[in-house]
Amino acid sequence: MEKAITAFAKGSWRFTTNAGFDGVLTITGDGKWSETRLGLSGRWEYDPSRLKIIMDGTDSENAEPYIIPSVPEPAKDALSRAYSMNGGWSQSVGDKVKARRDKDAVILEFEDFSDGSAGSPEHIESLIFTLTRLEGAT
């Protein structure tokens, strides 16, 4: 049976990106998250009408939460579609994200992201996160 998105997401995930950075994202069942790349943390709330991500810290005091409307409950459904985003990071990564599974990984592609270095050999037009559950994490 397919896990609900909240049960599926809970745990520790190694992430890598096509922009050359990586880290660990930890998501708890009590509505908290943290990551090791920049030391960011916050809270998350989910219901089938939306996923809401709030970032803690002084840089985010006046920021809007990051909201992805209409995320379905089964992980299989939630991780096989494109979403529009509002607020939060959508201002810097674009307002669209595609989610999909590839074997044991979750792939998130922010299609509208651009690093602003067009013409550079390192230039990327879309930001791609690959998340893989850490061994022993649930």
C-alpha atoms as a PDB file:
ATOM      1  CA  MET A   1       0.000   0.000   0.000  1.00  0.00           C
ATOM      2  CA  GLU A   2       1.284   3.441  -0.920  1.00  0.00           C
ATOM      3  CA  LYS A   3       2.263   5.586   2.067  1.00  0.00           C
ATOM      4  CA  ALA A   4       0.564   8.879   2.725  1.00  0.00           C
ATOM      5  CA  ILE A   5       2.764  11.833   1.796  1.00  0.00           C
ATOM      6  CA  THR A   6       3.345  12.817   5.452  1.00  0.00           C
ATOM      7  CA  ALA A   7       4.569   9.327   6.432  1.00  0.00           C
ATOM      8  CA  PHE A   8       6.656   9.052   3.262  1.00  0.00           C
ATOM      9  CA  ALA A   9       8.409  12.416   3.783  1.00  0.00           C
ATOM     10  CA  LYS A  10       9.368  11.847   7.421  1.00  0.00           C
ATOM     11  CA  GLY A  11      13.035  10.964   7.913  1.00  0.00           C
ATOM     12  CA  SER A  12      16.471  12.092   6.773  1.00  0.00           C
ATOM     13  CA  TRP A  13      17.272  12.621   3.106  1.00  0.00           C
ATOM     14  CA  ARG A  14      20.604  13.307   1.387  1.00  0.00           C
ATOM     15  CA  PHE A  15      20.158  15.948  -1.301  1.00  0.00           C
ATOM     16  CA  THR A  16      22.330  16.882  -4.250  1.00  0.00           C
ATOM     17  CA  THR A  17      21.711  19.496  -6.917  1.00  0.00           C
ATOM     18  CA  ASN A  18      22.839  20.230 -10.422  1.00  0.00           C
ATOM     19  CA  ALA A  19      24.196  23.521  -8.998  1.00  0.00           C
ATOM     20  CA  GLY A  20      26.898  21.593  -7.144  1.00  0.00           C
ATOM     21  CA  PHE A  21      25.737  21.649  -3.534  1.00  0.00           C
ATOM     22  CA  ASP A  22      24.541  18.936  -1.225  1.00  0.00           C
ATOM     23  CA  GLY A  23      23.472  18.265   2.330  1.00  0.00           C
ATOM     24  CA  VAL A  24      20.964  16.455   4.498  1.00  0.00           C
ATOM     25  CA  LEU A  25      17.305  17.398   4.924  1.00  0.00           C
ATOM     26  CA  THR A  26      15.547  16.054   8.017  1.00  0.00           C
ATOM     27  CA  ILE A  27      11.747  16.074   8.218  1.00  0.00           C
ATOM     28  CA  THR A  28      10.006  15.148  11.464  1.00  0.00           C
ATOM     29  CA  GLY A  29       6.469  13.970  12.024  1.00  0.00           C
ATOM     30  CA  ASP A  30       5.778  16.798  14.463  1.00  0.00           C
ATOM     31  CA  GLY A  31       5.989  19.498  11.782  1.00  0.00           C
ATOM     32  CA  LYS A  32       9.680  20.463  11.873  1.00  0.00           C
ATOM     33  CA  TRP A  33      12.396  20.372   9.214  1.00  0.00           C
ATOM     34  CA  SER A  34      16.095  21.283   9.041  1.00  0.00           C
ATOM     35  CA  GLU A  35      18.897  21.062   6.523  1.00  0.00           C
ATOM     36  CA  THR A  36      22.680  20.986   6.799  1.00  0.00           C
ATOM     37  CA  ARG A  37      23.805  22.974   3.720  1.00  0.00           C
ATOM     38  CA  LEU A  38      22.919  26.451   5.030  1.00  0.00           C
ATOM     39  CA  GLY A  39      21.688  25.492   8.495  1.00  0.00           C
ATOM     40  CA  LEU A  40      18.090  26.427   7.694  1.00  0.00           C
ATOM     41  CA  SER A  41      15.152  25.099   9.667  1.00  0.00           C
ATOM     42  CA  GLY A  42      11.465  25.665  10.093  1.00  0.00           C
ATOM     43  CA  ARG A  43       8.045  24.123  10.291  1.00  0.00           C
ATOM     44  CA  TRP A  44       5.779  22.427   7.768  1.00  0.00           C
ATOM     45  CA  GLU A  45       2.049  21.838   7.613  1.00  0.00           C
ATOM     46  CA  TYR A  46       0.227  19.532   5.232  1.00  0.00           C
ATOM     47  CA  ASP A  47      -3.329  18.827   4.262  1.00  0.00           C
ATOM     48  CA  PRO A  48      -4.603  17.830   0.800  1.00  0.00           C
ATOM     49  CA  SER A  49      -5.454  21.470   0.050  1.00  0.00           C
ATOM     50  CA  ARG A  50      -1.814  22.575   0.371  1.00  0.00           C
ATOM     51  CA  LEU A  51       1.723  22.073   1.666  1.00  0.00           C
ATOM     52  CA  LYS A  52       2.947  25.059   3.716  1.00  0.00           C
ATOM     53  CA  ILE A  53       6.640  25.488   4.562  1.00  0.00           C
ATOM     54  CA  ILE A  54       7.755  28.137   7.049  1.00  0.00           C
ATOM     55  CA  MET A  55      11.421  29.049   7.512  1.00  0.00           C
ATOM     56  CA  ASP A  56      12.725  30.058  10.957  1.00  0.00           C
ATOM     57  CA  GLY A  57      15.325  32.724  11.619  1.00  0.00           C
ATOM     58  CA  THR A  58      15.910  36.420  11.247  1.00  0.00           C
ATOM     59  CA  ASP A  59      16.137  36.312   7.454  1.00  0.00           C
ATOM     60  CA  SER A  60      12.592  34.998   7.228  1.00  0.00           C
ATOM     61  CA  GLU A  61      10.749  37.078   9.853  1.00  0.00           C
ATOM     62  CA  ASN A  62       8.962  39.148   7.224  1.00  0.00           C
ATOM     63  CA  ALA A  63       8.859  36.468   4.533  1.00  0.00           C
ATOM     64  CA  GLU A  64       5.676  34.804   3.398  1.00  0.00           C
ATOM     65  CA  PRO A  65       5.408  31.059   3.905  1.00  0.00           C
ATOM     66  CA  TYR A  66       6.103  28.845   0.926  1.00  0.00           C
ATOM     67  CA  ILE A  67       2.825  27.299  -0.252  1.00  0.00           C
ATOM     68  CA  ILE A  68       2.179  24.565  -2.795  1.00  0.00           C
ATOM     69  CA  PRO A  69      -1.588  24.216  -3.334  1.00  0.00           C
ATOM     70  CA  SER A  70      -3.427  20.930  -3.925  1.00  0.00           C
ATOM     71  CA  VAL A  71      -0.898  18.257  -2.960  1.00  0.00           C
ATOM     72  CA  PRO A  72      -2.658  14.856  -2.974  1.00  0.00           C
ATOM     73  CA  GLU A  73      -2.311  12.517   0.019  1.00  0.00           C
ATOM     74  CA  PRO A  74      -0.791   9.330  -1.491  1.00  0.00           C
ATOM     75  CA  ALA A  75       2.965   9.764  -2.082  1.00  0.00           C
ATOM     76  CA  LYS A  76       2.600   8.023  -5.462  1.00  0.00           C
ATOM     77  CA  ASP A  77       0.199  10.757  -6.629  1.00  0.00           C
ATOM     78  CA  ALA A  78       2.016  13.656  -4.938  1.00  0.00           C
ATOM     79  CA  LEU A  79       5.342  12.695  -6.540  1.00  0.00           C
ATOM     80  CA  SER A  80       4.162  12.467 -10.120  1.00  0.00           C
ATOM     81  CA  ARG A  81       3.037  15.944 -11.112  1.00  0.00           C
ATOM     82  CA  ALA A  82       3.857  19.609 -11.594  1.00  0.00           C
ATOM     83  CA  TYR A  83       2.855  22.283  -9.091  1.00  0.00           C
ATOM     84  CA  SER A  84       2.525  26.046  -8.959  1.00  0.00           C
ATOM     85  CA  MET A  85       4.046  27.669  -5.880  1.00  0.00           C
ATOM     86  CA  ASN A  86       3.269  30.839  -3.961  1.00  0.00           C
ATOM     87  CA  GLY A  87       5.303  32.999  -1.592  1.00  0.00           C
ATOM     88  CA  GLY A  88       8.528  32.067   0.166  1.00  0.00           C
ATOM     89  CA  TRP A  89      11.309  30.683  -1.998  1.00  0.00           C
ATOM     90  CA  SER A  90       9.174  30.821  -5.130  1.00  0.00           C
ATOM     91  CA  GLN A  91      10.483  34.352  -5.533  1.00  0.00           C
ATOM     92  CA  SER A  92      14.038  33.042  -6.032  1.00  0.00           C
ATOM     93  CA  VAL A  93      13.530  29.567  -7.549  1.00  0.00           C
ATOM     94  CA  GLY A  94      10.518  30.332  -9.742  1.00  0.00           C
ATOM     95  CA  ASP A  95       6.867  29.531  -9.255  1.00  0.00           C
ATOM     96  CA  LYS A  96       6.796  26.012 -10.723  1.00  0.00           C
ATOM     97  CA  VAL A  97       8.170  22.682  -9.539  1.00  0.00           C
ATOM     98  CA  LYS A  98       7.908  19.183 -10.996  1.00  0.00           C
ATOM     99  CA  ALA A  99       8.037  16.268  -8.568  1.00  0.00           C
ATOM    100  CA  ARG A 100       8.760  12.688  -9.564  1.00  0.00           C
ATOM    101  CA  ARG A 101      10.262   9.466  -8.266  1.00  0.00           C
ATOM    102  CA  ASP A 102      13.206   7.753  -9.914  1.00  0.00           C
ATOM    103  CA  LYS A 103      13.844   4.356  -8.318  1.00  0.00           C
ATOM    104  CA  ASP A 104      14.596   5.204  -4.661  1.00  0.00           C
ATOM    105  CA  ALA A 105      15.082   8.941  -5.227  1.00  0.00           C
ATOM    106  CA  VAL A 106      12.720  11.899  -5.270  1.00  0.00           C
ATOM    107  CA  ILE A 107      13.489  14.481  -7.963  1.00  0.00           C
ATOM    108  CA  LEU A 108      12.321  18.098  -7.642  1.00  0.00           C
ATOM    109  CA  GLU A 109      12.866  20.330 -10.675  1.00  0.00           C
ATOM    110  CA  PHE A 110      12.396  24.082 -10.373  1.00  0.00           C
ATOM    111  CA  GLU A 111      11.935  24.858 -14.083  1.00  0.00           C
ATOM    112  CA  ASP A 112      11.903  28.651 -13.881  1.00  0.00           C
ATOM    113  CA  PHE A 113      15.121  28.958 -11.878  1.00  0.00           C
ATOM    114  CA  SER A 114      18.044  30.671 -13.554  1.00  0.00           C
ATOM    115  CA  ASP A 115      21.374  31.326 -11.881  1.00  0.00           C
ATOM    116  CA  GLY A 116      21.820  34.573 -13.823  1.00  0.00           C
ATOM    117  CA  SER A 117      25.102  33.531 -15.431  1.00  0.00           C
ATOM    118  CA  ALA A 118      23.911  32.930 -18.996  1.00  0.00           C
ATOM    119  CA  GLY A 119      26.829  32.180 -21.291  1.00  0.00           C
ATOM    120  CA  SER A 120      28.942  30.713 -18.489  1.00  0.00           C
ATOM    121  CA  PRO A 121      29.865  27.013 -18.778  1.00  0.00           C
ATOM    122  CA  GLU A 122      28.428  26.483 -15.273  1.00  0.00           C
ATOM    123  CA  HIS A 123      25.085  28.145 -16.141  1.00  0.00           C
ATOM    124  CA  ILE A 124      21.920  26.233 -15.274  1.00  0.00           C
ATOM    125  CA  GLU A 125      18.404  27.060 -16.434  1.00  0.00           C
ATOM    126  CA  SER A 126      16.491  24.839 -14.033  1.00  0.00           C
ATOM    127  CA  LEU A 127      17.456  23.796 -10.512  1.00  0.00           C
ATOM    128  CA  ILE A 128      17.198  20.049  -9.879  1.00  0.00           C
ATOM    129  CA  PHE A 129      17.246  18.508  -6.395  1.00  0.00           C
ATOM    130  CA  THR A 130      17.754  14.755  -6.033  1.00  0.00           C
ATOM    131  CA  LEU A 131      16.766  13.443  -2.596  1.00  0.00           C
ATOM    132  CA  THR A 132      17.644   9.950  -1.418  1.00  0.00           C
ATOM    133  CA  ARG A 133      16.498   8.558   1.923  1.00  0.00           C
ATOM    134  CA  LEU A 134      19.437   7.891   4.232  1.00  0.00           C
ATOM    135  CA  GLU A 135      19.995   4.296   5.265  1.00  0.00           C
ATOM    136  CA  GLY A 136      18.111   3.426   8.425  1.00  0.00           C
ATOM    137  CA  ALA A 137      16.038   6.642   8.312  1.00  0.00           C
ATOM    138  CA  THR A 138      12.279   6.322   8.440  1.00  0.00           C
END
